[in-house]
Amino acid sequence: MARIAARKELIAVRVPESWTERLPVLEELEQPWEPVPRAALVAWLIFYALFLYQRARGTGLLLLMDGVFVPIHEGGHLLFRLGGEFIMVAGGTFLQLFAPFALATYFLLRRQSQAVAFCLFFLFEQFIPIATYMADARAQDLPLLTVGDAEYVIHDWNYLFGKLGVLDHDIQIAGAVRAIGWLGMLAVVIWLIWRGINDVPSPSPKNAVGR
């Protein structure tokens, strides 16, 4: 039991008291993670491996998941339209990334590593279609979706890169964003494996009596 206690101590997150005094919700970070059953870990690894394979090929049924983020992206434009044109255009990508980040934060506080991994995986996965959109900033060959007046369609990254003065570097920026997406997805899978390996099962009542 001393070994289990030591492993729990090693894995636990120690939040400075000054932080928890200001934000008591951070105390949840000191709680142990919910364990990842071995069967669930294997199932998740098969899912992520298959998804990464289909993402690398650029085709596959699992990539339909990207369709979930389309209304989120468009909703971001509507949500931030009162902030001015630049904020409205940037708001689509912001909400597209913020939604899975916010969910990951929620599950982090609930110490549910499987859900955190799922949300973070698709947070980084969205970097791939975003990079594709970025790379099209000058060419503008991709078909565009819009909410509202179909005559008033803005290519997000042509507009944003133009305003930022980096339009000529759209391909290079897209390449960097794509690399971040791939590295992030792989890092999340590795983290989930690490969590599954280091999960410490709670002692059974029988073992507790034996002590």
N, C-alpha and C. Protein backbone atom coordinates (compact mmCIF):
# COMPACT_ATOMS: atom_id res chain seq x y z
N MET A 1 0.82 -1.21 0.00
CA MET A 1 0.00 0.00 0.00
C MET A 1 0.86 1.26 0.00
N ALA A 2 2.05 1.17 0.59
CA ALA A 2 2.94 2.32 0.59
C ALA A 2 3.34 2.69 -0.83
N ARG A 3 3.51 1.65 -1.69
CA ARG A 3 3.88 1.91 -3.07
C ARG A 3 2.76 2.64 -3.81
N ILE A 4 1.51 2.20 -3.56
CA ILE A 4 0.36 2.86 -4.20
C ILE A 4 0.25 4.30 -3.73
N ALA A 5 0.44 4.53 -2.43
CA ALA A 5 0.36 5.89 -1.91
C ALA A 5 1.43 6.77 -2.53
N ALA A 6 2.62 6.21 -2.71
CA ALA A 6 3.71 6.98 -3.30
C ALA A 6 3.38 7.35 -4.74
N ARG A 7 2.79 6.40 -5.49
CA ARG A 7 2.43 6.68 -6.88
C ARG A 7 1.35 7.75 -6.96
N LYS A 8 0.38 7.69 -6.06
CA LYS A 8 -0.67 8.71 -6.03
C LYS A 8 -0.07 10.08 -5.73
N GLU A 9 0.89 10.11 -4.79
CA GLU A 9 1.53 11.37 -4.44
C GLU A 9 2.29 11.93 -5.63
N LEU A 10 2.92 11.04 -6.40
CA LEU A 10 3.70 11.46 -7.56
C LEU A 10 2.82 12.04 -8.65
N ILE A 11 1.63 11.44 -8.85
CA ILE A 11 0.75 11.83 -9.94
C ILE A 11 -0.09 13.06 -9.58
N ALA A 12 -0.37 13.25 -8.30
CA ALA A 12 -1.24 14.34 -7.88
C ALA A 12 -0.66 15.70 -8.26
N VAL A 13 -1.56 16.63 -8.54
CA VAL A 13 -1.18 18.00 -8.85
C VAL A 13 -1.29 18.83 -7.59
N ARG A 14 -0.21 19.53 -7.25
CA ARG A 14 -0.22 20.40 -6.08
C ARG A 14 -0.42 21.84 -6.54
N VAL A 15 -1.57 22.40 -6.21
CA VAL A 15 -1.90 23.76 -6.60
C VAL A 15 -1.52 24.70 -5.47
N PRO A 16 -0.77 25.77 -5.74
CA PRO A 16 -0.40 26.73 -4.68
C PRO A 16 -1.62 27.23 -3.93
N GLU A 17 -1.50 27.34 -2.60
CA GLU A 17 -2.63 27.77 -1.78
C GLU A 17 -3.13 29.15 -2.18
N SER A 18 -2.22 30.02 -2.61
CA SER A 18 -2.64 31.37 -3.01
C SER A 18 -3.60 31.31 -4.19
N TRP A 19 -3.42 30.31 -5.07
CA TRP A 19 -4.31 30.15 -6.22
C TRP A 19 -5.67 29.65 -5.78
N THR A 20 -5.67 28.62 -4.92
CA THR A 20 -6.94 28.03 -4.50
C THR A 20 -7.75 28.98 -3.62
N GLU A 21 -7.06 29.90 -2.91
CA GLU A 21 -7.79 30.88 -2.11
C GLU A 21 -8.57 31.83 -3.01
N ARG A 22 -7.97 32.19 -4.13
CA ARG A 22 -8.64 33.09 -5.07
C ARG A 22 -9.65 32.36 -5.94
N LEU A 23 -9.29 31.13 -6.34
CA LEU A 23 -10.16 30.33 -7.20
C LEU A 23 -10.33 28.95 -6.57
N PRO A 24 -11.30 28.80 -5.67
CA PRO A 24 -11.48 27.51 -4.98
C PRO A 24 -11.71 26.34 -5.94
N VAL A 25 -12.21 26.63 -7.15
CA VAL A 25 -12.47 25.55 -8.10
C VAL A 25 -11.19 24.79 -8.45
N LEU A 26 -10.03 25.46 -8.31
CA LEU A 26 -8.76 24.81 -8.65
C LEU A 26 -8.41 23.68 -7.68
N GLU A 27 -9.09 23.63 -6.53
CA GLU A 27 -8.86 22.53 -5.60
C GLU A 27 -9.19 21.18 -6.24
N GLU A 28 -10.08 21.22 -7.23
CA GLU A 28 -10.44 19.97 -7.91
C GLU A 28 -9.24 19.34 -8.61
N LEU A 29 -8.25 20.16 -8.97
CA LEU A 29 -7.08 19.64 -9.67
C LEU A 29 -6.22 18.75 -8.77
N GLU A 30 -6.43 18.84 -7.44
CA GLU A 30 -5.68 18.01 -6.51
C GLU A 30 -6.33 16.66 -6.30
N GLN A 31 -7.52 16.47 -6.87
CA GLN A 31 -8.20 15.19 -6.74
C GLN A 31 -7.61 14.18 -7.73
N PRO A 32 -7.68 12.89 -7.39
CA PRO A 32 -7.13 11.88 -8.32
C PRO A 32 -7.98 11.76 -9.58
N TRP A 33 -7.35 11.36 -10.67
CA TRP A 33 -8.07 11.13 -11.92
C TRP A 33 -8.93 9.89 -11.80
N GLU A 34 -10.04 9.88 -12.53
CA GLU A 34 -10.80 8.65 -12.65
C GLU A 34 -9.95 7.65 -13.45
N PRO A 35 -9.86 6.41 -13.00
CA PRO A 35 -9.01 5.44 -13.70
C PRO A 35 -9.52 5.13 -15.10
N VAL A 36 -8.59 4.78 -15.98
CA VAL A 36 -8.93 4.38 -17.35
C VAL A 36 -8.85 2.85 -17.41
N PRO A 37 -9.99 2.16 -17.53
CA PRO A 37 -9.94 0.70 -17.63
C PRO A 37 -9.09 0.27 -18.82
N ARG A 38 -8.40 -0.85 -18.69
CA ARG A 38 -7.53 -1.31 -19.76
C ARG A 38 -8.30 -1.54 -21.06
N ALA A 39 -9.50 -2.09 -20.95
CA ALA A 39 -10.30 -2.34 -22.16
C ALA A 39 -10.66 -1.03 -22.84
N ALA A 40 -11.00 -0.01 -22.04
CA ALA A 40 -11.34 1.30 -22.61
C ALA A 40 -10.11 1.92 -23.25
N LEU A 41 -8.95 1.77 -22.62
CA LEU A 41 -7.72 2.33 -23.17
C LEU A 41 -7.41 1.72 -24.53
N VAL A 42 -7.55 0.41 -24.64
CA VAL A 42 -7.30 -0.27 -25.91
C VAL A 42 -8.29 0.21 -26.97
N ALA A 43 -9.58 0.32 -26.59
CA ALA A 43 -10.59 0.78 -27.55
C ALA A 43 -10.30 2.20 -28.03
N TRP A 44 -9.92 3.08 -27.10
CA TRP A 44 -9.59 4.44 -27.49
C TRP A 44 -8.38 4.50 -28.41
N LEU A 45 -7.38 3.69 -28.12
CA LEU A 45 -6.18 3.70 -28.96
C LEU A 45 -6.49 3.22 -30.37
N ILE A 46 -7.36 2.23 -30.48
CA ILE A 46 -7.77 1.77 -31.82
C ILE A 46 -8.51 2.89 -32.55
N PHE A 47 -9.40 3.58 -31.84
CA PHE A 47 -10.15 4.69 -32.45
C PHE A 47 -9.21 5.79 -32.93
N TYR A 48 -8.29 6.22 -32.04
CA TYR A 48 -7.40 7.31 -32.42
C TYR A 48 -6.45 6.91 -33.54
N ALA A 49 -5.97 5.66 -33.50
CA ALA A 49 -5.09 5.20 -34.57
C ALA A 49 -5.81 5.20 -35.91
N LEU A 50 -7.06 4.73 -35.91
CA LEU A 50 -7.84 4.70 -37.14
C LEU A 50 -8.14 6.11 -37.63
N PHE A 51 -8.45 7.00 -36.68
CA PHE A 51 -8.74 8.39 -37.06
C PHE A 51 -7.50 9.04 -37.66
N LEU A 52 -6.34 8.86 -37.04
CA LEU A 52 -5.11 9.45 -37.56
C LEU A 52 -4.77 8.90 -38.94
N TYR A 53 -5.04 7.62 -39.13
CA TYR A 53 -4.80 7.02 -40.44
C TYR A 53 -5.69 7.66 -41.51
N GLN A 54 -6.98 7.82 -41.17
CA GLN A 54 -7.89 8.42 -42.13
C GLN A 54 -7.58 9.91 -42.33
N ARG A 55 -7.16 10.58 -41.28
CA ARG A 55 -6.78 11.99 -41.43
C ARG A 55 -5.57 12.12 -42.33
N ALA A 56 -4.60 11.22 -42.19
CA ALA A 56 -3.41 11.26 -43.04
C ALA A 56 -3.77 11.00 -44.50
N ARG A 57 -4.74 10.12 -44.73
CA ARG A 57 -5.19 9.84 -46.09
C ARG A 57 -6.08 10.94 -46.64
N GLY A 58 -6.74 11.66 -45.74
CA GLY A 58 -7.65 12.73 -46.16
C GLY A 58 -9.03 12.23 -46.53
N THR A 59 -9.33 10.99 -46.18
CA THR A 59 -10.65 10.44 -46.48
C THR A 59 -10.99 9.37 -45.46
N GLY A 60 -12.29 9.18 -45.21
CA GLY A 60 -12.73 8.18 -44.25
C GLY A 60 -13.96 8.65 -43.49
N LEU A 61 -14.74 7.70 -43.01
CA LEU A 61 -15.99 8.03 -42.33
C LEU A 61 -15.76 8.84 -41.06
N LEU A 62 -14.66 8.57 -40.36
CA LEU A 62 -14.42 9.28 -39.10
C LEU A 62 -14.20 10.77 -39.31
N LEU A 63 -13.79 11.15 -40.51
CA LEU A 63 -13.56 12.56 -40.77
C LEU A 63 -14.86 13.35 -40.86
N LEU A 64 -15.99 12.65 -40.86
CA LEU A 64 -17.28 13.34 -40.79
C LEU A 64 -17.41 14.14 -39.50
N MET A 65 -16.54 13.81 -38.53
CA MET A 65 -16.54 14.56 -37.27
C MET A 65 -16.29 16.04 -37.51
N ASP A 66 -15.58 16.37 -38.57
CA ASP A 66 -15.32 17.78 -38.88
C ASP A 66 -16.61 18.54 -39.12
N GLY A 67 -17.64 17.82 -39.59
CA GLY A 67 -18.91 18.48 -39.85
C GLY A 67 -19.56 19.05 -38.60
N VAL A 68 -19.21 18.49 -37.44
CA VAL A 68 -19.76 18.99 -36.18
C VAL A 68 -19.29 20.42 -35.93
N PHE A 69 -18.09 20.73 -36.40
CA PHE A 69 -17.50 22.04 -36.11
C PHE A 69 -17.92 23.12 -37.10
N VAL A 70 -18.56 22.73 -38.20
CA VAL A 70 -18.98 23.73 -39.18
C VAL A 70 -20.01 24.69 -38.59
N PRO A 71 -21.11 24.20 -37.97
CA PRO A 71 -22.05 25.16 -37.37
C PRO A 71 -21.45 25.92 -36.20
N ILE A 72 -20.48 25.33 -35.50
CA ILE A 72 -19.81 26.04 -34.41
C ILE A 72 -19.01 27.22 -34.98
N HIS A 73 -18.30 26.95 -36.07
CA HIS A 73 -17.54 28.02 -36.74
C HIS A 73 -18.46 29.14 -37.22
N GLU A 74 -19.51 28.76 -37.90
CA GLU A 74 -20.44 29.77 -38.41
C GLU A 74 -21.13 30.51 -37.27
N GLY A 75 -21.42 29.77 -36.20
CA GLY A 75 -22.02 30.42 -35.03
C GLY A 75 -21.09 31.44 -34.41
N GLY A 76 -19.78 31.20 -34.49
CA GLY A 76 -18.82 32.18 -33.98
C GLY A 76 -18.90 33.49 -34.71
N HIS A 77 -19.11 33.44 -36.03
CA HIS A 77 -19.27 34.68 -36.79
C HIS A 77 -20.49 35.46 -36.31
N LEU A 78 -21.58 34.74 -36.08
CA LEU A 78 -22.80 35.40 -35.62
C LEU A 78 -22.63 35.94 -34.20
N LEU A 79 -21.97 35.17 -33.35
CA LEU A 79 -21.82 35.55 -31.95
C LEU A 79 -20.99 36.82 -31.79
N PHE A 80 -19.96 36.95 -32.63
CA PHE A 80 -19.04 38.08 -32.48
C PHE A 80 -19.26 39.20 -33.50
N ARG A 81 -20.40 39.18 -34.16
CA ARG A 81 -20.63 40.18 -35.21
C ARG A 81 -20.73 41.59 -34.66
N LEU A 82 -21.11 41.73 -33.39
CA LEU A 82 -21.22 43.07 -32.80
C LEU A 82 -19.86 43.66 -32.45
N GLY A 83 -18.80 42.85 -32.53
CA GLY A 83 -17.48 43.34 -32.18
C GLY A 83 -16.75 44.01 -33.33
N GLY A 84 -17.40 44.14 -34.46
CA GLY A 84 -16.74 44.72 -35.62
C GLY A 84 -16.35 43.64 -36.61
N GLU A 85 -16.00 44.05 -37.81
CA GLU A 85 -15.77 43.08 -38.88
C GLU A 85 -14.60 42.15 -38.59
N PHE A 86 -13.49 42.66 -38.10
CA PHE A 86 -12.33 41.81 -37.85
C PHE A 86 -12.65 40.77 -36.78
N ILE A 87 -13.26 41.21 -35.68
CA ILE A 87 -13.62 40.28 -34.59
C ILE A 87 -14.64 39.26 -35.08
N MET A 88 -15.58 39.69 -35.91
CA MET A 88 -16.59 38.78 -36.44
C MET A 88 -15.94 37.69 -37.28
N VAL A 89 -15.03 38.08 -38.17
CA VAL A 89 -14.38 37.10 -39.04
C VAL A 89 -13.51 36.15 -38.23
N ALA A 90 -12.74 36.69 -37.29
CA ALA A 90 -11.88 35.85 -36.46
C ALA A 90 -12.69 34.99 -35.49
N GLY A 91 -13.89 35.44 -35.16
CA GLY A 91 -14.71 34.73 -34.18
C GLY A 91 -15.09 33.33 -34.60
N GLY A 92 -15.17 33.08 -35.91
CA GLY A 92 -15.50 31.74 -36.36
C GLY A 92 -14.46 30.73 -35.94
N THR A 93 -13.20 31.01 -36.23
CA THR A 93 -12.12 30.10 -35.85
C THR A 93 -11.94 30.07 -34.34
N PHE A 94 -12.12 31.22 -33.69
CA PHE A 94 -12.00 31.26 -32.23
C PHE A 94 -12.97 30.29 -31.56
N LEU A 95 -14.25 30.35 -31.94
CA LEU A 95 -15.23 29.49 -31.31
C LEU A 95 -15.01 28.03 -31.71
N GLN A 96 -14.54 27.81 -32.92
CA GLN A 96 -14.23 26.47 -33.40
C GLN A 96 -13.19 25.78 -32.51
N LEU A 97 -12.26 26.57 -31.98
CA LEU A 97 -11.22 26.03 -31.10
C LEU A 97 -11.60 26.15 -29.63
N PHE A 98 -12.34 27.20 -29.29
CA PHE A 98 -12.68 27.41 -27.89
C PHE A 98 -13.66 26.37 -27.38
N ALA A 99 -14.57 25.91 -28.23
CA ALA A 99 -15.58 24.95 -27.78
C ALA A 99 -14.94 23.67 -27.23
N PRO A 100 -14.04 22.99 -27.98
CA PRO A 100 -13.41 21.80 -27.41
C PRO A 100 -12.48 22.13 -26.26
N PHE A 101 -11.86 23.33 -26.26
CA PHE A 101 -10.99 23.71 -25.14
C PHE A 101 -11.81 23.88 -23.87
N ALA A 102 -12.96 24.52 -23.97
CA ALA A 102 -13.81 24.72 -22.80
C ALA A 102 -14.31 23.38 -22.25
N LEU A 103 -14.68 22.48 -23.14
CA LEU A 103 -15.13 21.15 -22.70
C LEU A 103 -13.98 20.39 -22.04
N ALA A 104 -12.78 20.51 -22.60
CA ALA A 104 -11.62 19.84 -22.00
C ALA A 104 -11.36 20.37 -20.59
N THR A 105 -11.51 21.69 -20.41
CA THR A 105 -11.32 22.30 -19.10
C THR A 105 -12.36 21.79 -18.10
N TYR A 106 -13.60 21.67 -18.56
CA TYR A 106 -14.67 21.15 -17.70
C TYR A 106 -14.35 19.74 -17.23
N PHE A 107 -13.96 18.87 -18.15
CA PHE A 107 -13.66 17.49 -17.78
C PHE A 107 -12.36 17.38 -17.00
N LEU A 108 -11.45 18.33 -17.21
CA LEU A 108 -10.22 18.36 -16.40
C LEU A 108 -10.56 18.57 -14.94
N LEU A 109 -11.47 19.48 -14.66
CA LEU A 109 -11.88 19.74 -13.29
C LEU A 109 -12.64 18.57 -12.69
N ARG A 110 -13.26 17.78 -13.54
CA ARG A 110 -13.97 16.58 -13.08
C ARG A 110 -13.05 15.36 -13.06
N ARG A 111 -11.80 15.56 -13.47
CA ARG A 111 -10.76 14.53 -13.44
C ARG A 111 -11.11 13.31 -14.29
N GLN A 112 -11.70 13.56 -15.45
CA GLN A 112 -12.09 12.49 -16.37
C GLN A 112 -11.14 12.50 -17.56
N SER A 113 -10.09 11.71 -17.46
CA SER A 113 -9.01 11.77 -18.44
C SER A 113 -9.45 11.34 -19.83
N GLN A 114 -10.36 10.37 -19.94
CA GLN A 114 -10.80 9.94 -21.27
C GLN A 114 -11.52 11.07 -22.00
N ALA A 115 -12.36 11.80 -21.29
CA ALA A 115 -13.09 12.91 -21.90
C ALA A 115 -12.15 14.07 -22.21
N VAL A 116 -11.19 14.33 -21.32
CA VAL A 116 -10.21 15.39 -21.58
C VAL A 116 -9.43 15.08 -22.85
N ALA A 117 -8.99 13.82 -22.98
CA ALA A 117 -8.22 13.42 -24.16
C ALA A 117 -9.05 13.57 -25.43
N PHE A 118 -10.31 13.18 -25.38
CA PHE A 118 -11.18 13.27 -26.56
C PHE A 118 -11.32 14.72 -27.01
N CYS A 119 -11.58 15.62 -26.05
CA CYS A 119 -11.78 17.03 -26.39
C CYS A 119 -10.49 17.67 -26.90
N LEU A 120 -9.37 17.37 -26.24
CA LEU A 120 -8.10 17.95 -26.68
C LEU A 120 -7.66 17.38 -28.03
N PHE A 121 -7.94 16.10 -28.24
CA PHE A 121 -7.58 15.49 -29.53
C PHE A 121 -8.28 16.23 -30.66
N PHE A 122 -9.57 16.52 -30.50
CA PHE A 122 -10.30 17.19 -31.58
C PHE A 122 -10.05 18.70 -31.59
N LEU A 123 -9.58 19.25 -30.48
CA LEU A 123 -9.10 20.63 -30.52
C LEU A 123 -7.93 20.73 -31.50
N PHE A 124 -6.95 19.85 -31.33
CA PHE A 124 -5.78 19.88 -32.22
C PHE A 124 -6.14 19.38 -33.62
N GLU A 125 -7.09 18.47 -33.72
CA GLU A 125 -7.49 17.97 -35.03
C GLU A 125 -8.05 19.09 -35.89
N GLN A 126 -8.72 20.05 -35.25
CA GLN A 126 -9.29 21.16 -36.01
C GLN A 126 -8.23 22.08 -36.60
N PHE A 127 -7.00 21.98 -36.12
CA PHE A 127 -5.93 22.74 -36.74
C PHE A 127 -5.72 22.32 -38.19
N ILE A 128 -6.08 21.07 -38.53
CA ILE A 128 -5.83 20.58 -39.89
C ILE A 128 -6.75 21.26 -40.90
N PRO A 129 -8.09 21.23 -40.72
CA PRO A 129 -8.94 21.96 -41.68
C PRO A 129 -8.71 23.47 -41.62
N ILE A 130 -8.35 23.99 -40.46
CA ILE A 130 -8.04 25.43 -40.38
C ILE A 130 -6.82 25.73 -41.24
N ALA A 131 -5.80 24.86 -41.17
CA ALA A 131 -4.60 25.05 -41.98
C ALA A 131 -4.93 24.98 -43.47
N THR A 132 -5.82 24.09 -43.84
CA THR A 132 -6.24 23.98 -45.24
C THR A 132 -6.90 25.28 -45.70
N TYR A 133 -7.72 25.84 -44.84
CA TYR A 133 -8.39 27.11 -45.12
C TYR A 133 -7.36 28.24 -45.23
N MET A 134 -6.39 28.23 -44.33
CA MET A 134 -5.34 29.25 -44.36
C MET A 134 -4.54 29.19 -45.66
N ALA A 135 -4.19 27.99 -46.07
CA ALA A 135 -3.36 27.82 -47.28
C ALA A 135 -4.09 28.29 -48.53
N ASP A 136 -5.40 28.42 -48.45
CA ASP A 136 -6.21 28.85 -49.59
C ASP A 136 -6.43 30.37 -49.60
N ALA A 137 -5.75 31.08 -48.69
CA ALA A 137 -6.03 32.51 -48.49
C ALA A 137 -5.86 33.31 -49.78
N ARG A 138 -4.77 33.06 -50.52
CA ARG A 138 -4.56 33.82 -51.75
C ARG A 138 -5.31 33.19 -52.94
N ALA A 139 -5.26 31.88 -53.04
CA ALA A 139 -5.89 31.21 -54.19
C ALA A 139 -7.41 31.30 -54.15
N GLN A 140 -8.00 31.18 -52.96
CA GLN A 140 -9.44 31.22 -52.76
C GLN A 140 -10.17 30.25 -53.71
N ASP A 141 -9.68 29.02 -53.73
CA ASP A 141 -10.29 27.99 -54.56
C ASP A 141 -11.35 27.17 -53.82
N LEU A 142 -11.31 27.19 -52.49
CA LEU A 142 -12.24 26.37 -51.71
C LEU A 142 -13.65 26.94 -51.78
N PRO A 143 -14.67 26.07 -51.81
CA PRO A 143 -16.05 26.56 -51.71
C PRO A 143 -16.29 27.11 -50.31
N LEU A 144 -17.03 28.18 -50.20
CA LEU A 144 -17.24 28.84 -48.92
C LEU A 144 -18.68 28.69 -48.46
N LEU A 145 -18.83 28.55 -47.14
CA LEU A 145 -20.15 28.52 -46.52
C LEU A 145 -20.37 29.85 -45.84
N THR A 146 -21.62 30.26 -45.74
CA THR A 146 -21.92 31.51 -45.05
C THR A 146 -23.30 31.42 -44.43
N VAL A 147 -23.51 32.27 -43.44
CA VAL A 147 -24.81 32.40 -42.79
C VAL A 147 -25.31 33.81 -43.09
N GLY A 148 -26.46 33.90 -43.71
CA GLY A 148 -26.99 35.21 -44.04
C GLY A 148 -26.91 35.49 -45.53
N ASP A 149 -26.52 36.69 -45.88
CA ASP A 149 -26.50 37.15 -47.27
C ASP A 149 -25.43 36.41 -48.06
N ALA A 150 -25.85 35.59 -49.03
CA ALA A 150 -24.90 34.82 -49.83
C ALA A 150 -24.06 35.70 -50.74
N GLU A 151 -24.50 36.93 -50.99
CA GLU A 151 -23.75 37.85 -51.83
C GLU A 151 -22.57 38.46 -51.08
N TYR A 152 -22.63 38.37 -49.74
CA TYR A 152 -21.58 38.98 -48.93
C TYR A 152 -20.80 37.85 -48.24
N VAL A 153 -19.86 37.29 -48.97
CA VAL A 153 -19.07 36.17 -48.45
C VAL A 153 -17.62 36.61 -48.32
N ILE A 154 -17.06 36.40 -47.14
CA ILE A 154 -15.66 36.76 -46.88
C ILE A 154 -14.86 35.49 -46.68
N HIS A 155 -13.76 35.38 -47.38
CA HIS A 155 -12.81 34.30 -47.12
C HIS A 155 -12.05 34.69 -45.85
N ASP A 156 -12.29 33.96 -44.76
CA ASP A 156 -11.78 34.37 -43.45
C ASP A 156 -10.29 34.72 -43.50
N TRP A 157 -9.49 33.82 -44.04
CA TRP A 157 -8.04 34.00 -43.93
C TRP A 157 -7.47 34.94 -44.98
N ASN A 158 -8.15 35.10 -46.09
CA ASN A 158 -7.74 36.15 -47.01
C ASN A 158 -7.91 37.51 -46.34
N TYR A 159 -9.03 37.65 -45.66
CA TYR A 159 -9.32 38.90 -44.97
C TYR A 159 -8.37 39.11 -43.78
N LEU A 160 -8.24 38.08 -42.91
CA LEU A 160 -7.43 38.23 -41.70
C LEU A 160 -5.95 38.40 -42.02
N PHE A 161 -5.43 37.56 -42.90
CA PHE A 161 -4.03 37.70 -43.27
C PHE A 161 -3.77 39.03 -43.98
N GLY A 162 -4.74 39.47 -44.78
CA GLY A 162 -4.60 40.76 -45.43
C GLY A 162 -4.52 41.89 -44.43
N LYS A 163 -5.40 41.85 -43.42
CA LYS A 163 -5.40 42.88 -42.39
C LYS A 163 -4.11 42.86 -41.56
N LEU A 164 -3.57 41.65 -41.36
CA LEU A 164 -2.36 41.50 -40.55
C LEU A 164 -1.08 41.69 -41.36
N GLY A 165 -1.23 41.81 -42.67
CA GLY A 165 -0.07 42.03 -43.53
C GLY A 165 0.79 40.81 -43.76
N VAL A 166 0.19 39.61 -43.65
CA VAL A 166 0.98 38.37 -43.83
C VAL A 166 0.37 37.49 -44.92
N LEU A 167 -0.40 38.07 -45.81
CA LEU A 167 -1.09 37.29 -46.82
C LEU A 167 -0.11 36.51 -47.70
N ASP A 168 1.04 37.07 -47.97
CA ASP A 168 2.01 36.39 -48.82
C ASP A 168 2.64 35.17 -48.16
N HIS A 169 2.39 35.00 -46.87
CA HIS A 169 2.97 33.87 -46.12
C HIS A 169 1.91 32.84 -45.74
N ASP A 170 0.80 32.83 -46.46
CA ASP A 170 -0.29 31.93 -46.08
C ASP A 170 0.13 30.46 -46.07
N ILE A 171 0.92 30.03 -47.05
CA ILE A 171 1.33 28.63 -47.13
C ILE A 171 2.22 28.26 -45.96
N GLN A 172 3.17 29.12 -45.63
CA GLN A 172 4.08 28.84 -44.52
C GLN A 172 3.35 28.79 -43.19
N ILE A 173 2.45 29.75 -42.97
CA ILE A 173 1.68 29.76 -41.72
C ILE A 173 0.81 28.52 -41.63
N ALA A 174 0.19 28.15 -42.73
CA ALA A 174 -0.66 26.95 -42.75
C ALA A 174 0.16 25.71 -42.43
N GLY A 175 1.38 25.64 -42.95
CA GLY A 175 2.24 24.49 -42.66
C GLY A 175 2.57 24.39 -41.19
N ALA A 176 2.84 25.52 -40.55
CA ALA A 176 3.15 25.51 -39.12
C ALA A 176 1.93 25.10 -38.30
N VAL A 177 0.76 25.61 -38.67
CA VAL A 177 -0.48 25.27 -37.96
C VAL A 177 -0.79 23.79 -38.13
N ARG A 178 -0.59 23.27 -39.33
CA ARG A 178 -0.82 21.84 -39.57
C ARG A 178 0.11 20.99 -38.72
N ALA A 179 1.37 21.40 -38.62
CA ALA A 179 2.34 20.65 -37.81
C ALA A 179 1.93 20.65 -36.33
N ILE A 180 1.46 21.80 -35.84
CA ILE A 180 1.00 21.89 -34.46
C ILE A 180 -0.17 20.94 -34.23
N GLY A 181 -1.07 20.87 -35.21
CA GLY A 181 -2.22 19.98 -35.10
C GLY A 181 -1.80 18.52 -34.97
N TRP A 182 -0.89 18.08 -35.84
CA TRP A 182 -0.43 16.69 -35.79
C TRP A 182 0.32 16.39 -34.50
N LEU A 183 1.22 17.28 -34.11
CA LEU A 183 1.98 17.06 -32.87
C LEU A 183 1.04 17.05 -31.66
N GLY A 184 0.05 17.93 -31.67
CA GLY A 184 -0.90 17.97 -30.56
C GLY A 184 -1.71 16.70 -30.45
N MET A 185 -2.21 16.20 -31.57
CA MET A 185 -2.98 14.95 -31.54
C MET A 185 -2.15 13.79 -31.02
N LEU A 186 -0.92 13.68 -31.50
CA LEU A 186 -0.04 12.60 -31.05
C LEU A 186 0.29 12.75 -29.57
N ALA A 187 0.51 13.99 -29.11
CA ALA A 187 0.81 14.22 -27.70
C ALA A 187 -0.36 13.81 -26.81
N VAL A 188 -1.57 14.09 -27.25
CA VAL A 188 -2.76 13.72 -26.47
C VAL A 188 -2.86 12.20 -26.35
N VAL A 189 -2.62 11.49 -27.43
CA VAL A 189 -2.68 10.03 -27.40
C VAL A 189 -1.61 9.48 -26.46
N ILE A 190 -0.42 10.03 -26.52
CA ILE A 190 0.66 9.59 -25.63
C ILE A 190 0.30 9.87 -24.18
N TRP A 191 -0.30 11.05 -23.93
CA TRP A 191 -0.72 11.38 -22.56
C TRP A 191 -1.77 10.39 -22.05
N LEU A 192 -2.72 10.03 -22.90
CA LEU A 192 -3.75 9.08 -22.48
C LEU A 192 -3.13 7.73 -22.16
N ILE A 193 -2.16 7.30 -22.96
CA ILE A 193 -1.47 6.04 -22.66
C ILE A 193 -0.77 6.14 -21.31
N TRP A 194 -0.09 7.27 -21.09
CA TRP A 194 0.61 7.48 -19.81
C TRP A 194 -0.36 7.45 -18.64
N ARG A 195 -1.51 8.08 -18.83
CA ARG A 195 -2.51 8.08 -17.76
C ARG A 195 -2.99 6.66 -17.50
N GLY A 196 -3.29 5.90 -18.57
CA GLY A 196 -3.77 4.55 -18.38
C GLY A 196 -2.76 3.68 -17.68
N ILE A 197 -1.47 3.86 -17.98
CA ILE A 197 -0.43 3.05 -17.35
C ILE A 197 -0.24 3.43 -15.89
N ASN A 198 -0.38 4.71 -15.58
CA ASN A 198 -0.11 5.19 -14.23
C ASN A 198 -1.33 5.26 -13.34
N ASP A 199 -2.49 4.90 -13.85
CA ASP A 199 -3.67 4.89 -13.00
C ASP A 199 -3.49 3.89 -11.87
N VAL A 200 -3.86 4.33 -10.68
CA VAL A 200 -3.75 3.48 -9.50
C VAL A 200 -5.14 3.05 -9.07
N PRO A 201 -5.48 1.76 -9.16
CA PRO A 201 -6.82 1.33 -8.75
C PRO A 201 -7.01 1.50 -7.26
N SER A 202 -8.23 1.88 -6.89
CA SER A 202 -8.55 2.04 -5.47
C SER A 202 -8.54 0.68 -4.79
N PRO A 203 -8.02 0.61 -3.57
CA PRO A 203 -8.00 -0.69 -2.88
C PRO A 203 -9.39 -1.20 -2.61
N SER A 204 -9.60 -2.48 -2.76
CA SER A 204 -10.91 -3.08 -2.54
C SER A 204 -11.19 -3.13 -1.05
N PRO A 205 -12.49 -3.20 -0.66
CA PRO A 205 -12.84 -3.29 0.76
C PRO A 205 -12.14 -4.46 1.45
N LYS A 206 -11.94 -5.58 0.71
CA LYS A 206 -11.31 -6.77 1.29
C LYS A 206 -9.89 -6.45 1.69
N ASN A 207 -9.17 -5.77 0.79
CA ASN A 207 -7.79 -5.40 1.09
C ASN A 207 -7.72 -4.40 2.22
N ALA A 208 -8.71 -3.50 2.26
CA ALA A 208 -8.73 -2.50 3.31
C ALA A 208 -8.89 -3.15 4.67
N VAL A 209 -9.74 -4.19 4.78
CA VAL A 209 -9.94 -4.89 6.04
C VAL A 209 -8.66 -5.61 6.46
N GLY A 210 -7.96 -6.15 5.42
CA GLY A 210 -6.74 -6.90 5.69
C GLY A 210 -5.65 -6.04 6.31
N ARG A 211 -5.65 -4.74 5.99
CA ARG A 211 -4.66 -3.86 6.59
C ARG A 211 -4.90 -3.72 8.07
